[in-house]
Amino acid sequence: MHRTESPLIAVAVCLAALAGFVDALAFTSLGGFFASFMSGNSTRLGVGLGQGLGGDALTAGGLILSFVSGVIVSSVIVRAAGARRKAAVMAVVTALLTLAAIVATVMPGPLVLVLLAAAMGTENGVFNRDGEVTIGLTYMTGSLVRIGQKLAGALMGDQDRWGWIPYLALWLGFVAGVVSGAASQLRWGWDALWLAALIAAVLTLAIARLTGATRPQPRPAT
């Protein structure tokens, strides 16, 4: 994360907030399943299998597969889109969230959650370097571990005394998104998904602008 430019770190925090928002909508609307937190869905899968709750296990397994499918899609886009890969990945995230909002309007249910999981899997491809995710946007365990590691290093005298702050900002962004998503679901129900799609569209435009501005320009011929 320390190799990421400051404007894009701010975008990463906003994307983490979007993931928290979507996760809260999914969790509160469909009985405690997650759109982005696959550790939670893996637990639901195992408990469902262990206790003979076939429906729960099937739902959790479907969400995990959908999330992984989104990761696959984003990885293909990253390789194919070149310098515009971040904006291209976010365009797909926006499309999936918009489709989820449409489906929720006419047929609310598990299919909406499957689309949300695919969108969140895809979102993890926004920050991708050499085939590896550099900033985890939808799972905060890694960020909390990095906060602890960086704080420990600071206490032991490492030169990088403030390296934990970007990870704290990422976690706080996610939590803020969860709070907003839960409140929005309470007020608007599934219609809050349209807000998620709108936010994703705005972030897509912001990323396109930032990455276009920071892309190296060709040197003039001499």
Protein backbone atom coordinates (compact mmCIF):
# COMPACT_ATOMS: atom_id res chain seq x y z
CA MET A 1 0.00 0.00 0.00
CA HIS A 2 2.97 2.32 0.60
CA ARG A 3 3.68 2.25 -3.15
CA THR A 4 0.22 3.61 -3.99
CA GLU A 5 -0.20 7.33 -4.73
CA SER A 6 -2.14 9.34 -2.13
CA PRO A 7 -5.18 10.12 -4.36
CA LEU A 8 -5.57 6.43 -5.12
CA ILE A 9 -5.31 5.57 -1.41
CA ALA A 10 -8.26 7.91 -0.87
CA VAL A 11 -10.11 6.06 -3.65
CA ALA A 12 -9.23 2.75 -1.99
CA VAL A 13 -10.81 3.95 1.26
CA CYS A 14 -13.95 4.92 -0.68
CA LEU A 15 -14.02 1.49 -2.35
CA ALA A 16 -13.70 -0.18 1.04
CA ALA A 17 -16.65 1.92 2.21
CA LEU A 18 -18.61 0.77 -0.85
CA ALA A 19 -17.81 -2.85 0.04
CA GLY A 20 -18.99 -2.28 3.61
CA PHE A 21 -22.17 -0.63 2.34
CA VAL A 22 -22.97 -3.56 0.04
CA ASP A 23 -22.07 -6.14 2.69
CA ALA A 24 -24.43 -4.51 5.19
CA LEU A 25 -27.27 -4.52 2.65
CA ALA A 26 -26.72 -8.21 1.93
CA PHE A 27 -26.35 -9.21 5.58
CA THR A 28 -29.43 -7.38 6.82
CA SER A 29 -31.64 -8.32 3.89
CA LEU A 30 -30.98 -12.03 3.46
CA GLY A 31 -30.50 -13.68 6.81
CA GLY A 32 -26.86 -13.16 7.71
CA PHE A 33 -25.03 -14.00 4.50
CA PHE A 34 -22.30 -11.76 3.13
CA ALA A 35 -21.52 -10.18 -0.22
CA SER A 36 -17.83 -9.52 0.43
CA PHE A 37 -16.83 -11.36 3.63
CA MET A 38 -16.06 -14.84 2.33
CA SER A 39 -14.61 -16.06 5.65
CA GLY A 40 -18.09 -15.55 7.10
CA ASN A 41 -19.71 -17.37 4.19
CA SER A 42 -17.15 -20.20 4.55
CA THR A 43 -18.21 -20.52 8.19
CA ARG A 44 -21.87 -20.59 7.14
CA LEU A 45 -21.00 -23.29 4.59
CA GLY A 46 -19.24 -25.43 7.19
CA VAL A 47 -21.96 -24.99 9.81
CA GLY A 48 -24.61 -25.78 7.23
CA LEU A 49 -22.84 -28.99 6.26
CA GLY A 50 -22.13 -29.94 9.86
CA GLN A 51 -25.68 -29.37 11.07
CA GLY A 52 -27.46 -30.69 8.01
CA LEU A 53 -28.74 -27.27 6.91
CA GLY A 54 -28.56 -27.91 3.19
CA GLY A 55 -30.16 -24.62 2.14
CA ASP A 56 -27.68 -22.55 4.13
CA ALA A 57 -24.74 -24.56 2.82
CA LEU A 58 -25.97 -24.20 -0.76
CA THR A 59 -26.44 -20.44 -0.41
CA ALA A 60 -23.01 -19.93 1.16
CA GLY A 61 -21.32 -22.15 -1.43
CA GLY A 62 -23.03 -20.28 -4.27
CA LEU A 63 -21.86 -16.95 -2.89
CA ILE A 64 -18.28 -18.15 -2.58
CA LEU A 65 -18.32 -19.41 -6.17
CA SER A 66 -19.82 -16.13 -7.35
CA PHE A 67 -17.16 -14.12 -5.51
CA VAL A 68 -14.36 -16.23 -7.02
CA SER A 69 -15.95 -15.81 -10.46
CA GLY A 70 -15.78 -12.05 -9.97
CA VAL A 71 -12.10 -12.31 -9.10
CA ILE A 72 -11.51 -14.34 -12.27
CA VAL A 73 -13.33 -11.76 -14.38
CA SER A 74 -11.32 -8.89 -12.90
CA SER A 75 -8.04 -10.77 -13.44
CA VAL A 76 -8.86 -11.25 -17.12
CA ILE A 77 -9.77 -7.57 -17.44
CA VAL A 78 -6.53 -6.48 -15.75
CA ARG A 79 -4.48 -8.39 -18.31
CA ALA A 80 -6.55 -7.24 -21.27
CA ALA A 81 -7.16 -3.57 -20.49
CA GLY A 82 -3.60 -2.35 -19.98
CA ALA A 83 -3.25 1.15 -18.55
CA ARG A 84 -7.01 1.56 -18.16
CA ARG A 85 -7.45 -1.63 -16.16
CA LYS A 86 -8.58 0.04 -12.92
CA ALA A 87 -11.38 1.97 -14.60
CA ALA A 88 -12.35 -1.07 -16.68
CA VAL A 89 -12.65 -3.25 -13.59
CA MET A 90 -14.74 -0.60 -11.83
CA ALA A 91 -17.00 -0.29 -14.87
CA VAL A 92 -17.83 -3.99 -14.50
CA VAL A 93 -18.42 -3.53 -10.75
CA THR A 94 -20.83 -0.69 -11.56
CA ALA A 95 -22.63 -2.81 -14.14
CA LEU A 96 -23.04 -5.72 -11.69
CA LEU A 97 -24.36 -3.45 -8.94
CA THR A 98 -26.78 -1.82 -11.38
CA LEU A 99 -27.99 -5.25 -12.52
CA ALA A 100 -28.40 -6.28 -8.86
CA ALA A 101 -30.49 -3.17 -8.21
CA ILE A 102 -32.71 -3.95 -11.22
CA VAL A 103 -33.19 -7.57 -10.13
CA ALA A 104 -33.93 -6.45 -6.56
CA THR A 105 -36.67 -4.18 -7.89
CA VAL A 106 -38.50 -6.95 -9.74
CA MET A 107 -37.43 -10.14 -7.92
CA PRO A 108 -35.67 -9.58 -4.56
CA GLY A 109 -33.97 -12.67 -3.22
CA PRO A 110 -30.81 -14.81 -3.34
CA LEU A 111 -30.04 -13.94 -6.98
CA VAL A 112 -29.43 -10.35 -5.88
CA LEU A 113 -26.90 -11.55 -3.33
CA VAL A 114 -25.12 -13.66 -5.96
CA LEU A 115 -24.71 -10.58 -8.16
CA LEU A 116 -23.44 -8.55 -5.21
CA ALA A 117 -20.86 -11.22 -4.38
CA ALA A 118 -19.67 -11.19 -8.00
CA ALA A 119 -19.37 -7.40 -7.86
CA MET A 120 -17.32 -7.53 -4.68
CA GLY A 121 -15.04 -10.23 -6.08
CA THR A 122 -14.50 -8.08 -9.15
CA GLU A 123 -13.76 -4.99 -7.04
CA ASN A 124 -10.70 -6.70 -5.58
CA GLY A 125 -9.04 -6.46 -9.00
CA VAL A 126 -8.92 -2.65 -8.96
CA PHE A 127 -5.57 -2.61 -7.15
CA ASN A 128 -3.66 -5.38 -8.88
CA ARG A 129 0.05 -5.45 -9.65
CA ASP A 130 1.69 -8.29 -11.58
CA GLY A 131 -1.28 -10.55 -10.96
CA GLU A 132 -1.35 -9.96 -7.20
CA VAL A 133 -3.90 -7.91 -5.25
CA THR A 134 -2.00 -5.05 -3.57
CA ILE A 135 -4.88 -3.63 -1.51
CA GLY A 136 -7.61 -5.89 -0.19
CA LEU A 137 -10.78 -3.83 -0.47
CA THR A 138 -13.47 -6.21 0.76
CA TYR A 139 -11.81 -8.08 3.63
CA MET A 140 -10.44 -6.26 6.64
CA THR A 141 -8.60 -9.01 8.50
CA GLY A 142 -5.49 -8.32 6.45
CA SER A 143 -5.71 -4.60 7.17
CA LEU A 144 -6.05 -5.22 10.91
CA VAL A 145 -3.02 -7.52 10.81
CA ARG A 146 -1.02 -4.83 9.00
CA ILE A 147 -2.12 -2.23 11.57
CA GLY A 148 -0.79 -4.47 14.35
CA GLN A 149 2.46 -5.20 12.50
CA LYS A 150 3.12 -1.55 11.68
CA LEU A 151 2.31 -0.45 15.23
CA ALA A 152 4.65 -3.10 16.61
CA GLY A 153 7.39 -1.88 14.28
CA ALA A 154 6.84 1.72 15.37
CA LEU A 155 7.04 0.72 19.03
CA MET A 156 10.32 -1.08 18.32
CA GLY A 157 11.85 1.95 16.67
CA ASP A 158 11.27 1.34 12.94
CA GLN A 159 11.76 4.40 10.76
CA ASP A 160 8.26 4.07 9.31
CA ARG A 161 6.34 5.23 12.38
CA TRP A 162 3.08 6.08 10.63
CA GLY A 163 2.73 3.23 8.14
CA TRP A 164 -0.28 1.88 10.03
CA ILE A 165 -2.43 4.94 9.26
CA PRO A 166 -3.46 3.99 5.67
CA TYR A 167 -4.59 0.56 6.88
CA LEU A 168 -6.55 2.15 9.72
CA ALA A 169 -8.19 4.50 7.21
CA LEU A 170 -9.13 1.49 5.06
CA TRP A 171 -10.72 -0.28 8.03
CA LEU A 172 -12.55 2.86 9.16
CA GLY A 173 -13.83 3.37 5.62
CA PHE A 174 -15.23 -0.16 5.56
CA VAL A 175 -16.92 0.27 8.95
CA ALA A 176 -18.38 3.63 7.89
CA GLY A 177 -19.77 1.94 4.80
CA VAL A 178 -21.35 -0.80 6.92
CA VAL A 179 -23.02 1.79 9.16
CA SER A 180 -24.34 3.68 6.13
CA GLY A 181 -25.51 0.49 4.44
CA ALA A 182 -27.37 -0.75 7.51
CA ALA A 183 -29.07 2.62 7.97
CA SER A 184 -29.96 2.81 4.28
CA GLN A 185 -31.41 -0.69 4.26
CA LEU A 186 -33.53 0.17 7.29
CA ARG A 187 -34.89 3.23 5.49
CA TRP A 188 -35.12 2.17 1.84
CA GLY A 189 -34.73 -1.61 1.75
CA TRP A 190 -33.36 -3.01 -1.50
CA ASP A 191 -33.78 0.40 -3.16
CA ALA A 192 -30.57 1.40 -1.37
CA LEU A 193 -28.75 -0.67 -4.00
CA TRP A 194 -29.32 2.14 -6.48
CA LEU A 195 -27.20 4.33 -4.24
CA ALA A 196 -24.44 1.71 -4.27
CA ALA A 197 -24.54 1.62 -8.08
CA LEU A 198 -24.39 5.43 -8.22
CA ILE A 199 -21.40 5.54 -5.87
CA ALA A 200 -19.64 2.90 -7.96
CA ALA A 201 -20.25 4.94 -11.12
CA VAL A 202 -18.79 8.07 -9.51
CA LEU A 203 -15.74 6.11 -8.33
CA THR A 204 -15.30 4.67 -11.82
CA LEU A 205 -15.13 8.17 -13.26
CA ALA A 206 -12.75 9.30 -10.52
CA ILE A 207 -10.43 6.36 -11.13
CA ALA A 208 -10.50 6.92 -14.88
CA ARG A 209 -9.54 10.55 -14.35
CA LEU A 210 -6.79 9.81 -11.82
CA THR A 211 -5.20 6.97 -13.73
CA GLY A 212 -5.40 8.95 -16.96
CA ALA A 213 -3.67 11.89 -15.30
CA THR A 214 -0.93 9.77 -13.77
CA ARG A 215 -0.25 7.56 -16.79
CA PRO A 216 3.26 8.18 -18.13
CA GLN A 217 3.23 10.38 -21.21
CA PRO A 218 5.32 9.44 -24.26
CA ARG A 219 8.49 11.45 -24.71
CA PRO A 220 8.55 13.77 -27.72
CA ALA A 221 10.70 12.66 -30.61
CA THR A 222 14.08 14.38 -30.84
